[in-house]
Amino acid sequence: MKKLTLDASYSSDKESLYEYLNKKIQLQENNLDAVYGYFAAITEDMQVTLVNAQKLKENLGNYGGSFIKMLQKAEQRNRHLK
């Protein structure tokens, strides 16, 4: 099983969030739909861990909360995400 750890402490704003994500995964665009699309398309088991999630909410406000909800939704819809 592949493991992906995302550390939200590297995300002080949207730009830094997507800069960090693009170092970890290949995104077509820098938006929530693109991140969701990436995780929805996973066909091998992958454990995704979001650390320092509170920092995401603190730094990005509602957008940080939406990002967390998007990850949860992707996990619910794709049996390969753990």
C-alpha atoms as a PDB file:
ATOM      1  CA  MET A   1       0.000   0.000   0.000  1.00  0.00           C
ATOM      2  CA  LYS A   2       1.284   3.439  -0.901  1.00  0.00           C
ATOM      3  CA  LYS A   3       1.375   6.052   1.836  1.00  0.00           C
ATOM      4  CA  LEU A   4       0.956   9.782   1.365  1.00  0.00           C
ATOM      5  CA  THR A   5       1.395  12.194   4.245  1.00  0.00           C
ATOM      6  CA  LEU A   6       0.197  15.745   3.758  1.00  0.00           C
ATOM      7  CA  ASP A   7       1.448  18.246   6.328  1.00  0.00           C
ATOM      8  CA  ALA A   8      -0.871  21.237   6.498  1.00  0.00           C
ATOM      9  CA  SER A   9       1.689  23.322   8.386  1.00  0.00           C
ATOM     10  CA  TYR A  10       3.285  24.079   4.996  1.00  0.00           C
ATOM     11  CA  SER A  11       0.117  25.834   3.852  1.00  0.00           C
ATOM     12  CA  SER A  12      -0.089  29.441   4.946  1.00  0.00           C
ATOM     13  CA  ASP A  13      -2.348  30.400   2.018  1.00  0.00           C
ATOM     14  CA  LYS A  14      -3.898  28.827  -1.099  1.00  0.00           C
ATOM     15  CA  GLU A  15      -0.791  29.408  -3.185  1.00  0.00           C
ATOM     16  CA  SER A  16       1.488  27.634  -0.711  1.00  0.00           C
ATOM     17  CA  LEU A  17      -1.067  24.821  -0.324  1.00  0.00           C
ATOM     18  CA  TYR A  18      -1.010  24.054  -4.036  1.00  0.00           C
ATOM     19  CA  GLU A  19       2.745  24.545  -4.291  1.00  0.00           C
ATOM     20  CA  TYR A  20       3.134  21.917  -1.560  1.00  0.00           C
ATOM     21  CA  LEU A  21       0.555  19.572  -3.104  1.00  0.00           C
ATOM     22  CA  ASN A  22       2.223  19.752  -6.516  1.00  0.00           C
ATOM     23  CA  LYS A  23       5.439  18.525  -4.898  1.00  0.00           C
ATOM     24  CA  LYS A  24       3.550  15.517  -3.546  1.00  0.00           C
ATOM     25  CA  ILE A  25       1.076  14.690  -6.346  1.00  0.00           C
ATOM     26  CA  GLN A  26       0.500  15.597  -9.987  1.00  0.00           C
ATOM     27  CA  LEU A  27      -2.373  18.070 -10.305  1.00  0.00           C
ATOM     28  CA  GLN A  28      -3.912  19.301 -13.551  1.00  0.00           C
ATOM     29  CA  GLU A  29      -5.017  22.572 -11.950  1.00  0.00           C
ATOM     30  CA  ASN A  30      -4.719  24.270  -8.584  1.00  0.00           C
ATOM     31  CA  ASN A  31      -8.213  23.894  -7.163  1.00  0.00           C
ATOM     32  CA  LEU A  32     -10.263  21.541  -4.997  1.00  0.00           C
ATOM     33  CA  ASP A  33     -11.870  19.848  -7.995  1.00  0.00           C
ATOM     34  CA  ALA A  34      -8.447  18.886  -9.342  1.00  0.00           C
ATOM     35  CA  VAL A  35      -7.364  17.477  -5.976  1.00  0.00           C
ATOM     36  CA  TYR A  36     -10.619  15.541  -5.688  1.00  0.00           C
ATOM     37  CA  GLY A  37     -10.188  14.271  -9.250  1.00  0.00           C
ATOM     38  CA  TYR A  38      -6.696  13.037  -8.431  1.00  0.00           C
ATOM     39  CA  PHE A  39      -7.878  11.068  -5.408  1.00  0.00           C
ATOM     40  CA  ALA A  40     -11.023   9.823  -7.136  1.00  0.00           C
ATOM     41  CA  ALA A  41      -8.871   8.330  -9.909  1.00  0.00           C
ATOM     42  CA  ILE A  42      -6.601   6.325  -7.565  1.00  0.00           C
ATOM     43  CA  THR A  43      -6.754   2.638  -8.527  1.00  0.00           C
ATOM     44  CA  GLU A  44      -4.244   1.226  -6.033  1.00  0.00           C
ATOM     45  CA  ASP A  45      -4.616   1.175  -2.258  1.00  0.00           C
ATOM     46  CA  MET A  46      -3.271   4.372  -0.723  1.00  0.00           C
ATOM     47  CA  GLN A  47      -3.206   5.585   2.850  1.00  0.00           C
ATOM     48  CA  VAL A  48      -3.569   9.365   2.988  1.00  0.00           C
ATOM     49  CA  THR A  49      -2.713  11.070   6.262  1.00  0.00           C
ATOM     50  CA  LEU A  50      -3.332  14.755   6.847  1.00  0.00           C
ATOM     51  CA  VAL A  51      -1.248  16.073   9.734  1.00  0.00           C
ATOM     52  CA  ASN A  52      -1.654  19.482  11.341  1.00  0.00           C
ATOM     53  CA  ALA A  53      -5.163  19.780   9.902  1.00  0.00           C
ATOM     54  CA  GLN A  54      -5.982  22.526  12.393  1.00  0.00           C
ATOM     55  CA  LYS A  55      -3.284  24.707  10.775  1.00  0.00           C
ATOM     56  CA  LEU A  56      -5.117  24.361   7.473  1.00  0.00           C
ATOM     57  CA  LYS A  57      -8.284  25.730   9.061  1.00  0.00           C
ATOM     58  CA  GLU A  58      -6.410  28.470  10.897  1.00  0.00           C
ATOM     59  CA  ASN A  59      -4.472  29.641   7.834  1.00  0.00           C
ATOM     60  CA  LEU A  60      -7.061  29.172   5.100  1.00  0.00           C
ATOM     61  CA  GLY A  61     -10.322  29.542   7.034  1.00  0.00           C
ATOM     62  CA  ASN A  62     -13.350  28.130   5.216  1.00  0.00           C
ATOM     63  CA  TYR A  63     -11.198  27.007   2.294  1.00  0.00           C
ATOM     64  CA  GLY A  64      -9.133  24.874   4.661  1.00  0.00           C
ATOM     65  CA  GLY A  65     -12.323  23.317   6.018  1.00  0.00           C
ATOM     66  CA  SER A  66     -13.515  22.653   2.476  1.00  0.00           C
ATOM     67  CA  PHE A  67     -10.201  20.982   1.668  1.00  0.00           C
ATOM     68  CA  ILE A  68     -10.573  18.631   4.632  1.00  0.00           C
ATOM     69  CA  LYS A  69     -14.179  17.810   3.700  1.00  0.00           C
ATOM     70  CA  MET A  70     -13.069  17.126   0.112  1.00  0.00           C
ATOM     71  CA  LEU A  71     -10.473  14.612   1.332  1.00  0.00           C
ATOM     72  CA  GLN A  72     -13.089  12.898   3.491  1.00  0.00           C
ATOM     73  CA  LYS A  73     -15.517  12.744   0.567  1.00  0.00           C
ATOM     74  CA  ALA A  74     -12.858  11.261  -1.711  1.00  0.00           C
ATOM     75  CA  GLU A  75     -12.066   8.626   0.916  1.00  0.00           C
ATOM     76  CA  GLN A  76     -15.738   7.698   1.232  1.00  0.00           C
ATOM     77  CA  ARG A  77     -16.179   7.365  -2.534  1.00  0.00           C
ATOM     78  CA  ASN A  78     -12.952   5.580  -3.463  1.00  0.00           C
ATOM     79  CA  ARG A  79     -12.417   2.209  -1.828  1.00  0.00           C
ATOM     80  CA  HIS A  80      -8.673   2.426  -2.524  1.00  0.00           C
ATOM     81  CA  LEU A  81      -8.203   5.388  -0.181  1.00  0.00           C
ATOM     82  CA  LYS A  82      -7.672   4.623   3.456  1.00  0.00           C
END
